[in-house]
């Protein structure tokens, strides 16, 4: 079996279009995961035991169920309750919710690692609670967990092919359609593997540079 370069050139533009959708879904889903993860963390730290425990149970439920099942639920079940989303929107929401439970644990570890003296100093200065979190705690906590948060970004990117299960034509969807049309699978599947490797390596390098940059502060 030989590699057909002419055939590869024919489907490559469609692959790049699929890559764009994959990157958009990953970045927007990751932004949602970062924000929602912080919300989970704050709820877990609530002085109300009921709020804290319910949040923990919800997070455990989300982490303990497969991402693909959650995507199906968002795309196929939510409409029965009046919330109808397009495939890409449903995929972004599913990715964001799923990974927010992991970023929440990362935030929690980073906050726990802030020296106790920092909290005591804020109390002694009588700083407002908002300033304590915004100017003292979160900047220190996030810097310490950048590598872990970066790893979840790459993990989400590699999980994005699951969106094909709800009809999103990302990289895997484009490759599958192309293979079904031409009855050739070597070139499409190898191409998406290479694209995933290249983007993952570039992302890893970016995360390491970001880590080194903030490590100096």
Foldseek 3Di string as FASTA:
>chain_A
DDDDVVVLVVLVVVLVVLQVLLVVLLVLLLVLLLVLLVVLLVQCVDPDPVSNVVSVVVLVVLQVDDLLVQLCCQAPVVVVVVDHDDLSVSSSPSSNVSNSSVVNVLLNVLLVPQDPVLVVVCVVVVPDPVCSCPPPRVLRSCLVRLLVSLVVSLVSSVVSVSSVVSVRCHLVNSLVVVCVVPVDNPSSVVVVVVVSVVVSVVSNVVSVVSSVVSVVD
